[in-house]
């Protein structure tokens, strides 16, 4: 669980942030500010990732498969899924099934607890 403090609060809604830069970016929701514009069609965006999606820019590539991403965080998620390594570090203590991601193990454990059927 993340316990990071979020001392920067928006005065227009209940949103709180860990960094002042994140609060400033959020405030564009309320102000309508759109500082990022497309050089091709002049369409404007409030967030840089929206412009990247609009233009199709994908500067971050997976070194294993070449799949490209517009955000570095999306590439990290792809890599942490262990798609290419086959690594499965999370194992069930009930039946020894192994999983690449902790969230998949967590869902699997619900089968053993009777919260979910095994054919799902």
N, C-alpha and C. Protein backbone atom coordinates (compact mmCIF):
# COMPACT_ATOMS: atom_id res chain seq x y z
N UNK A 1 0.84 -1.17 0.00
CA UNK A 1 0.00 0.00 0.00
C UNK A 1 0.89 1.24 0.00
N UNK A 2 0.48 2.27 -0.74
CA UNK A 2 1.22 3.52 -0.79
C UNK A 2 0.72 4.43 0.31
N UNK A 3 1.63 4.98 1.09
CA UNK A 3 1.25 5.87 2.18
C UNK A 3 1.85 7.26 1.98
N UNK A 4 2.11 7.61 0.75
CA UNK A 4 2.72 8.89 0.42
C UNK A 4 1.79 10.03 0.84
N UNK A 5 2.37 11.03 1.51
CA UNK A 5 1.58 12.19 1.91
C UNK A 5 1.20 13.00 0.68
N UNK A 6 0.03 13.64 0.76
CA UNK A 6 -0.47 14.46 -0.34
C UNK A 6 -0.89 15.82 0.21
N UNK A 7 0.10 16.68 0.47
CA UNK A 7 -0.20 17.96 1.11
C UNK A 7 -0.73 19.05 0.18
N UNK A 8 -0.72 18.81 -1.13
CA UNK A 8 -1.15 19.84 -2.08
C UNK A 8 -2.58 19.57 -2.51
N UNK A 9 -3.51 20.38 -1.98
CA UNK A 9 -4.93 20.17 -2.26
C UNK A 9 -5.50 21.20 -3.21
N UNK A 10 -6.38 20.74 -4.07
CA UNK A 10 -7.08 21.64 -4.99
C UNK A 10 -8.16 22.39 -4.21
N UNK A 11 -8.22 23.70 -4.37
CA UNK A 11 -9.21 24.50 -3.65
C UNK A 11 -10.58 24.46 -4.32
N UNK A 12 -10.69 23.80 -5.47
CA UNK A 12 -11.97 23.71 -6.18
C UNK A 12 -12.64 22.34 -6.05
N UNK A 13 -11.88 21.33 -5.65
CA UNK A 13 -12.46 19.99 -5.47
C UNK A 13 -11.67 19.27 -4.38
N UNK A 14 -11.94 18.03 -4.16
CA UNK A 14 -11.31 17.29 -3.07
C UNK A 14 -9.98 16.64 -3.46
N UNK A 15 -9.50 16.83 -4.65
CA UNK A 15 -8.27 16.17 -5.11
C UNK A 15 -7.04 16.67 -4.34
N UNK A 16 -6.17 15.73 -3.96
CA UNK A 16 -4.92 16.06 -3.26
C UNK A 16 -3.76 15.38 -3.99
N UNK A 17 -2.58 16.01 -3.92
CA UNK A 17 -1.43 15.53 -4.67
C UNK A 17 -0.16 15.57 -3.84
N UNK A 18 0.78 14.72 -4.19
CA UNK A 18 2.05 14.63 -3.48
C UNK A 18 3.04 15.71 -3.90
N UNK A 19 2.85 16.27 -5.08
CA UNK A 19 3.76 17.29 -5.59
C UNK A 19 2.96 18.48 -6.12
N UNK A 20 3.52 19.67 -5.98
CA UNK A 20 2.83 20.87 -6.46
C UNK A 20 2.66 20.84 -7.97
N UNK A 21 3.60 20.21 -8.68
CA UNK A 21 3.48 20.13 -10.14
C UNK A 21 2.27 19.31 -10.56
N UNK A 22 1.95 18.27 -9.80
CA UNK A 22 0.77 17.45 -10.11
C UNK A 22 -0.50 18.23 -9.84
N UNK A 23 -0.52 19.05 -8.79
CA UNK A 23 -1.67 19.91 -8.51
C UNK A 23 -1.85 20.91 -9.65
N UNK A 24 -0.76 21.52 -10.08
CA UNK A 24 -0.83 22.51 -11.16
C UNK A 24 -1.40 21.88 -12.43
N UNK A 25 -0.94 20.66 -12.75
CA UNK A 25 -1.44 19.95 -13.93
C UNK A 25 -2.93 19.65 -13.77
N UNK A 26 -3.35 19.23 -12.57
CA UNK A 26 -4.76 18.93 -12.31
C UNK A 26 -5.64 20.17 -12.48
N UNK A 27 -5.16 21.31 -12.06
CA UNK A 27 -5.97 22.53 -12.09
C UNK A 27 -6.41 22.92 -13.49
N UNK A 28 -5.75 22.38 -14.49
CA UNK A 28 -6.17 22.64 -15.87
C UNK A 28 -7.58 22.11 -16.13
N UNK A 29 -7.98 21.10 -15.37
CA UNK A 29 -9.35 20.57 -15.48
C UNK A 29 -10.34 21.69 -15.20
N UNK A 30 -10.04 22.52 -14.22
CA UNK A 30 -10.95 23.59 -13.82
C UNK A 30 -10.78 24.86 -14.65
N UNK A 31 -9.55 25.16 -15.07
CA UNK A 31 -9.29 26.42 -15.78
C UNK A 31 -9.53 26.31 -17.28
N UNK A 32 -9.46 25.09 -17.80
CA UNK A 32 -9.60 24.91 -19.24
C UNK A 32 -8.32 25.22 -20.01
N UNK A 33 -7.23 25.47 -19.29
CA UNK A 33 -5.95 25.77 -19.93
C UNK A 33 -5.50 24.58 -20.78
N UNK A 34 -5.05 24.88 -22.00
CA UNK A 34 -4.57 23.84 -22.92
C UNK A 34 -3.25 24.30 -23.53
N UNK A 35 -2.14 24.09 -22.81
CA UNK A 35 -0.85 24.61 -23.27
C UNK A 35 -0.17 23.81 -24.38
N UNK A 36 -0.68 22.64 -24.71
CA UNK A 36 -0.03 21.80 -25.72
C UNK A 36 -0.85 21.82 -27.01
N UNK A 37 -0.24 22.27 -28.10
CA UNK A 37 -0.98 22.31 -29.35
C UNK A 37 -0.29 21.49 -30.44
N UNK A 38 -1.10 20.91 -31.30
CA UNK A 38 -0.62 20.09 -32.41
C UNK A 38 -0.04 21.01 -33.49
N UNK A 39 1.18 20.75 -33.93
CA UNK A 39 1.77 21.59 -34.97
C UNK A 39 1.13 21.38 -36.35
N UNK A 40 0.41 20.29 -36.52
CA UNK A 40 -0.23 19.99 -37.80
C UNK A 40 -1.58 20.68 -37.95
N UNK A 41 -2.43 20.56 -36.89
CA UNK A 41 -3.81 21.04 -37.03
C UNK A 41 -4.19 22.11 -36.01
N UNK A 42 -3.27 22.47 -35.12
CA UNK A 42 -3.48 23.49 -34.09
C UNK A 42 -4.49 23.09 -33.01
N UNK A 43 -4.93 21.84 -32.98
CA UNK A 43 -5.79 21.39 -31.89
C UNK A 43 -4.99 21.48 -30.60
N UNK A 44 -5.67 21.87 -29.50
CA UNK A 44 -4.98 22.11 -28.23
C UNK A 44 -5.36 21.06 -27.19
N UNK A 45 -4.41 20.80 -26.27
CA UNK A 45 -4.61 19.78 -25.24
C UNK A 45 -4.14 20.29 -23.89
N UNK A 46 -4.78 19.83 -22.84
CA UNK A 46 -4.40 20.25 -21.49
C UNK A 46 -3.24 19.44 -20.94
N UNK A 47 -3.01 18.25 -21.49
CA UNK A 47 -1.93 17.39 -21.00
C UNK A 47 -1.07 16.89 -22.16
N UNK A 48 0.22 16.78 -21.91
CA UNK A 48 1.18 16.37 -22.94
C UNK A 48 0.85 14.98 -23.50
N UNK A 49 0.42 14.05 -22.64
CA UNK A 49 0.12 12.70 -23.13
C UNK A 49 -1.05 12.70 -24.11
N UNK A 50 -1.98 13.66 -23.97
CA UNK A 50 -3.09 13.76 -24.91
C UNK A 50 -2.58 14.16 -26.29
N UNK A 51 -1.63 15.08 -26.34
CA UNK A 51 -1.03 15.49 -27.61
C UNK A 51 -0.29 14.32 -28.24
N UNK A 52 0.47 13.57 -27.43
CA UNK A 52 1.20 12.41 -27.96
C UNK A 52 0.24 11.39 -28.56
N UNK A 53 -0.88 11.15 -27.90
CA UNK A 53 -1.86 10.20 -28.43
C UNK A 53 -2.43 10.73 -29.74
N UNK A 54 -2.72 12.02 -29.80
CA UNK A 54 -3.27 12.65 -31.00
C UNK A 54 -2.32 12.54 -32.18
N UNK A 55 -1.03 12.78 -31.93
CA UNK A 55 -0.04 12.76 -33.03
C UNK A 55 0.47 11.36 -33.34
N UNK A 56 0.21 10.42 -32.43
CA UNK A 56 0.70 9.06 -32.63
C UNK A 56 2.15 8.89 -32.21
N UNK A 57 2.69 9.88 -31.51
CA UNK A 57 4.09 9.80 -31.06
C UNK A 57 4.24 8.69 -30.03
N UNK A 58 5.19 7.81 -30.27
CA UNK A 58 5.47 6.69 -29.36
C UNK A 58 6.99 6.51 -29.26
N UNK A 59 7.64 7.37 -28.47
CA UNK A 59 9.10 7.34 -28.42
C UNK A 59 9.72 6.23 -27.56
N UNK A 60 8.92 5.53 -26.77
CA UNK A 60 9.46 4.53 -25.85
C UNK A 60 9.20 3.13 -26.38
N UNK A 61 10.29 2.40 -26.70
CA UNK A 61 10.17 1.08 -27.33
C UNK A 61 10.67 -0.02 -26.41
N UNK A 62 9.98 -1.15 -26.44
CA UNK A 62 10.42 -2.35 -25.71
C UNK A 62 11.62 -2.93 -26.45
N UNK A 63 12.68 -3.21 -25.72
CA UNK A 63 13.90 -3.75 -26.34
C UNK A 63 13.73 -5.20 -26.77
N UNK A 64 12.71 -5.87 -26.27
CA UNK A 64 12.49 -7.28 -26.63
C UNK A 64 11.64 -7.44 -27.89
N UNK A 65 10.52 -6.70 -27.95
CA UNK A 65 9.59 -6.92 -29.06
C UNK A 65 9.41 -5.71 -29.97
N UNK A 66 9.94 -4.56 -29.57
CA UNK A 66 9.81 -3.37 -30.40
C UNK A 66 8.50 -2.63 -30.24
N UNK A 67 7.57 -3.15 -29.44
CA UNK A 67 6.31 -2.44 -29.22
C UNK A 67 6.61 -1.07 -28.65
N UNK A 68 5.91 -0.05 -29.18
CA UNK A 68 6.20 1.32 -28.81
C UNK A 68 5.08 1.90 -27.96
N UNK A 69 5.48 2.84 -27.10
CA UNK A 69 4.55 3.46 -26.16
C UNK A 69 4.73 4.97 -26.15
N UNK A 70 3.64 5.68 -25.91
CA UNK A 70 3.72 7.14 -25.85
C UNK A 70 4.23 7.63 -24.50
N UNK A 71 4.08 6.81 -23.47
CA UNK A 71 4.52 7.19 -22.13
C UNK A 71 5.53 6.17 -21.59
N UNK A 72 6.54 6.66 -20.90
CA UNK A 72 7.54 5.77 -20.29
C UNK A 72 6.88 4.83 -19.28
N UNK A 73 5.87 5.33 -18.57
CA UNK A 73 5.19 4.50 -17.57
C UNK A 73 4.49 3.31 -18.22
N UNK A 74 3.95 3.48 -19.41
CA UNK A 74 3.30 2.37 -20.11
C UNK A 74 4.33 1.31 -20.52
N UNK A 75 5.52 1.74 -20.92
CA UNK A 75 6.59 0.80 -21.24
C UNK A 75 6.99 0.01 -19.99
N UNK A 76 7.10 0.70 -18.86
CA UNK A 76 7.46 0.02 -17.61
C UNK A 76 6.41 -1.03 -17.24
N UNK A 77 5.15 -0.70 -17.40
CA UNK A 77 4.08 -1.66 -17.12
C UNK A 77 4.23 -2.87 -18.02
N UNK A 78 4.47 -2.64 -19.31
CA UNK A 78 4.67 -3.73 -20.27
C UNK A 78 5.82 -4.62 -19.82
N UNK A 79 6.93 -4.01 -19.40
CA UNK A 79 8.10 -4.78 -18.97
C UNK A 79 7.83 -5.53 -17.67
N UNK A 80 7.08 -4.92 -16.77
CA UNK A 80 6.80 -5.57 -15.48
C UNK A 80 5.82 -6.73 -15.63
N UNK A 81 5.14 -6.80 -16.76
CA UNK A 81 4.24 -7.93 -16.99
C UNK A 81 5.02 -9.20 -17.29
N UNK A 82 6.32 -9.07 -17.47
CA UNK A 82 7.21 -10.21 -17.71
C UNK A 82 6.79 -11.02 -18.94
N UNK A 83 6.27 -10.34 -19.94
CA UNK A 83 5.80 -10.97 -21.17
C UNK A 83 6.93 -11.74 -21.85
N UNK A 84 8.11 -11.17 -21.89
CA UNK A 84 9.20 -11.74 -22.68
C UNK A 84 10.10 -12.71 -21.90
N UNK A 85 10.16 -12.54 -20.60
CA UNK A 85 11.08 -13.37 -19.81
C UNK A 85 10.47 -14.70 -19.39
N UNK A 86 9.14 -14.75 -19.33
CA UNK A 86 8.48 -15.96 -18.85
C UNK A 86 8.58 -16.13 -17.35
N UNK A 87 9.17 -15.16 -16.69
CA UNK A 87 9.35 -15.21 -15.24
C UNK A 87 7.99 -15.19 -14.54
N UNK A 88 7.82 -16.05 -13.55
CA UNK A 88 6.58 -16.11 -12.77
C UNK A 88 6.95 -16.19 -11.29
N UNK A 89 7.27 -15.06 -10.69
CA UNK A 89 7.77 -15.07 -9.31
C UNK A 89 6.71 -15.22 -8.23
N UNK A 90 5.43 -15.14 -8.58
CA UNK A 90 4.37 -15.21 -7.58
C UNK A 90 3.71 -16.58 -7.62
N UNK A 91 3.80 -17.32 -6.51
CA UNK A 91 3.22 -18.67 -6.51
C UNK A 91 2.14 -18.80 -5.44
N UNK A 92 1.15 -19.60 -5.76
CA UNK A 92 0.04 -19.87 -4.86
C UNK A 92 0.50 -20.88 -3.81
N UNK A 93 0.24 -20.58 -2.56
CA UNK A 93 0.63 -21.49 -1.48
C UNK A 93 -0.32 -22.67 -1.36
N UNK A 94 -1.47 -22.59 -2.03
CA UNK A 94 -2.46 -23.66 -1.97
C UNK A 94 -2.20 -24.75 -3.02
N UNK A 95 -1.87 -24.32 -4.24
CA UNK A 95 -1.74 -25.30 -5.34
C UNK A 95 -0.46 -25.15 -6.15
N UNK A 96 0.41 -24.23 -5.80
CA UNK A 96 1.70 -24.00 -6.46
C UNK A 96 1.59 -23.45 -7.89
N UNK A 97 0.42 -23.01 -8.32
CA UNK A 97 0.35 -22.31 -9.61
C UNK A 97 1.20 -21.06 -9.50
N UNK A 98 1.82 -20.66 -10.61
CA UNK A 98 2.71 -19.51 -10.60
C UNK A 98 2.18 -18.43 -11.53
N UNK A 99 2.49 -17.18 -11.19
CA UNK A 99 1.98 -16.04 -11.92
C UNK A 99 3.07 -14.99 -12.14
N UNK A 100 2.98 -14.29 -13.25
CA UNK A 100 3.94 -13.24 -13.57
C UNK A 100 3.63 -11.96 -12.81
N UNK A 101 2.37 -11.75 -12.46
CA UNK A 101 1.96 -10.53 -11.79
C UNK A 101 1.25 -10.84 -10.49
N UNK A 102 1.51 -10.02 -9.48
CA UNK A 102 0.90 -10.21 -8.17
C UNK A 102 -0.62 -10.10 -8.23
N UNK A 103 -1.13 -9.22 -9.09
CA UNK A 103 -2.59 -9.04 -9.18
C UNK A 103 -3.27 -10.31 -9.69
N UNK A 104 -2.60 -11.06 -10.56
CA UNK A 104 -3.18 -12.31 -11.06
C UNK A 104 -3.20 -13.38 -9.97
N UNK A 105 -2.18 -13.41 -9.13
CA UNK A 105 -2.17 -14.33 -7.99
C UNK A 105 -3.31 -13.97 -7.04
N UNK A 106 -3.48 -12.69 -6.80
CA UNK A 106 -4.54 -12.24 -5.89
C UNK A 106 -5.91 -12.68 -6.40
N UNK A 107 -6.15 -12.54 -7.71
CA UNK A 107 -7.43 -12.99 -8.29
C UNK A 107 -7.56 -14.50 -8.16
N UNK A 108 -6.47 -15.23 -8.40
CA UNK A 108 -6.48 -16.69 -8.31
C UNK A 108 -6.81 -17.15 -6.89
N UNK A 109 -6.28 -16.48 -5.88
CA UNK A 109 -6.52 -16.87 -4.50
C UNK A 109 -8.00 -16.83 -4.14
N UNK A 110 -8.76 -16.01 -4.83
CA UNK A 110 -10.21 -15.94 -4.59
C UNK A 110 -10.89 -17.25 -4.92
N UNK A 111 -10.32 -18.03 -5.85
CA UNK A 111 -10.85 -19.35 -6.18
C UNK A 111 -10.78 -20.24 -4.94
N UNK A 112 -9.65 -20.21 -4.26
CA UNK A 112 -9.46 -21.04 -3.07
C UNK A 112 -10.34 -20.57 -1.91
N UNK A 113 -10.65 -19.28 -1.89
CA UNK A 113 -11.48 -18.75 -0.82
C UNK A 113 -12.97 -18.86 -1.13
N UNK A 114 -13.30 -19.39 -2.32
CA UNK A 114 -14.69 -19.56 -2.70
C UNK A 114 -15.38 -18.30 -3.18
N UNK A 115 -14.61 -17.25 -3.44
CA UNK A 115 -15.19 -15.99 -3.90
C UNK A 115 -15.33 -15.95 -5.42
N UNK A 116 -14.77 -16.94 -6.09
CA UNK A 116 -14.76 -16.93 -7.55
C UNK A 116 -14.68 -18.37 -8.03
N UNK A 117 -15.39 -18.67 -9.13
CA UNK A 117 -15.34 -20.04 -9.64
C UNK A 117 -14.06 -20.25 -10.44
N UNK A 118 -13.59 -21.48 -10.50
CA UNK A 118 -12.31 -21.78 -11.17
C UNK A 118 -12.40 -21.75 -12.68
N UNK A 119 -13.61 -21.69 -13.25
CA UNK A 119 -13.75 -21.68 -14.71
C UNK A 119 -13.78 -20.27 -15.27
N UNK A 120 -13.54 -19.26 -14.44
CA UNK A 120 -13.54 -17.87 -14.91
C UNK A 120 -12.18 -17.49 -15.41
